[in-house]
Amino acid sequence: MTTAVASFLIVLAIGIAAGLVFNRYGQNWFRRQFVTRHSDVTSSLVGIAGAFIGFHIGGILGLLPSPLMLYVTAAVGALLVLWAWRGR
């Protein structure tokens, strides 16, 4: 497997995981009962978009020597986009 394909799959997995975690644990009990919830698929897609944004911003900032830092920026990007998407 090439490095590009591996990075693509890792960023994809980071976005899906962030979306699912944010959708399931990002709200309190009262809000989950009375506010329209977004589906897991929608949250995962928004998380994927944020992960790719964060990954590429990390590349623009010059974090290329350390692939781990690119994945960290992908996770931070996914969480920030999910947070902004929820309107907090």
Protein backbone atom coordinates (compact mmCIF):
# COMPACT_ATOMS: atom_id res chain seq x y z
CA MET A 1 0.00 0.00 0.00
CA THR A 2 1.42 3.36 -0.91
CA THR A 3 1.86 6.18 1.55
CA ALA A 4 -0.79 8.33 -0.15
CA VAL A 5 -3.43 5.60 0.05
CA ALA A 6 -2.54 4.87 3.67
CA SER A 7 -2.78 8.56 4.58
CA PHE A 8 -6.12 8.83 2.78
CA LEU A 9 -7.55 5.86 4.70
CA ILE A 10 -6.21 7.11 8.03
CA VAL A 11 -7.68 10.60 7.53
CA LEU A 12 -10.96 9.02 6.45
CA ALA A 13 -11.03 6.90 9.62
CA ILE A 14 -10.20 9.93 11.79
CA GLY A 15 -13.09 11.90 10.28
CA ILE A 16 -15.58 9.06 10.70
CA ALA A 17 -14.52 8.42 14.29
CA ALA A 18 -14.68 12.11 15.20
CA GLY A 19 -18.14 12.44 13.64
CA LEU A 20 -19.52 9.42 15.45
CA VAL A 21 -18.03 10.39 18.81
CA PHE A 22 -19.20 13.98 18.47
CA ASN A 23 -22.71 12.89 17.48
CA ARG A 24 -23.09 10.43 20.33
CA TYR A 25 -21.34 12.25 23.17
CA GLY A 26 -21.45 15.90 22.13
CA GLN A 27 -24.87 16.65 23.62
CA ASN A 28 -26.37 16.37 27.06
CA TRP A 29 -29.39 14.20 27.82
CA PHE A 30 -31.96 17.02 27.74
CA ARG A 31 -30.83 18.32 24.37
CA ARG A 32 -30.87 14.82 22.87
CA GLN A 33 -34.52 14.44 23.86
CA PHE A 34 -35.89 17.67 22.42
CA VAL A 35 -33.61 18.91 19.67
CA THR A 36 -33.49 17.44 16.19
CA ARG A 37 -30.50 15.15 16.01
CA HIS A 38 -28.29 14.75 13.00
CA SER A 39 -27.73 11.26 11.76
CA ASP A 40 -24.47 9.39 12.22
CA VAL A 41 -23.87 9.48 8.48
CA THR A 42 -24.16 13.26 8.29
CA SER A 43 -21.89 13.76 11.29
CA SER A 44 -19.37 11.35 9.82
CA LEU A 45 -19.35 13.19 6.50
CA VAL A 46 -18.84 16.54 8.22
CA GLY A 47 -16.06 14.96 10.30
CA ILE A 48 -14.40 13.64 7.14
CA ALA A 49 -14.53 17.11 5.57
CA GLY A 50 -12.98 18.64 8.67
CA ALA A 51 -10.29 15.97 8.82
CA PHE A 52 -9.25 16.65 5.24
CA ILE A 53 -9.23 20.40 5.87
CA GLY A 54 -7.07 19.93 8.98
CA PHE A 55 -4.74 17.51 7.19
CA HIS A 56 -4.12 19.91 4.35
CA ILE A 57 -3.71 22.92 6.63
CA GLY A 58 -1.08 20.90 8.49
CA GLY A 59 0.68 20.31 5.18
CA ILE A 60 0.52 24.00 4.33
CA LEU A 61 2.00 24.86 7.73
CA GLY A 62 4.96 22.60 6.98
CA LEU A 63 4.33 19.70 9.36
CA LEU A 64 5.39 17.19 6.69
CA PRO A 65 8.48 15.72 8.39
CA SER A 66 6.20 14.21 11.04
CA PRO A 67 3.17 12.34 9.66
CA LEU A 68 1.80 12.03 13.18
CA MET A 69 1.41 15.81 13.37
CA LEU A 70 -0.62 15.76 10.16
CA TYR A 71 -2.99 13.23 11.71
CA VAL A 72 -3.26 15.33 14.86
CA THR A 73 -4.17 18.38 12.78
CA ALA A 74 -6.70 16.19 10.93
CA ALA A 75 -8.35 15.29 14.24
CA VAL A 76 -8.33 18.90 15.42
CA GLY A 77 -9.75 20.05 12.09
CA ALA A 78 -12.53 17.47 12.27
CA LEU A 79 -13.49 18.51 15.79
CA LEU A 80 -13.41 22.21 14.94
CA VAL A 81 -15.60 21.78 11.87
CA LEU A 82 -18.05 19.61 13.80
CA TRP A 83 -18.14 22.16 16.61
CA ALA A 84 -18.78 25.02 14.16
CA TRP A 85 -21.38 22.96 12.29
CA ARG A 86 -23.36 22.40 15.47
CA GLY A 87 -23.48 26.15 16.05
CA ARG A 88 -21.76 26.37 19.40
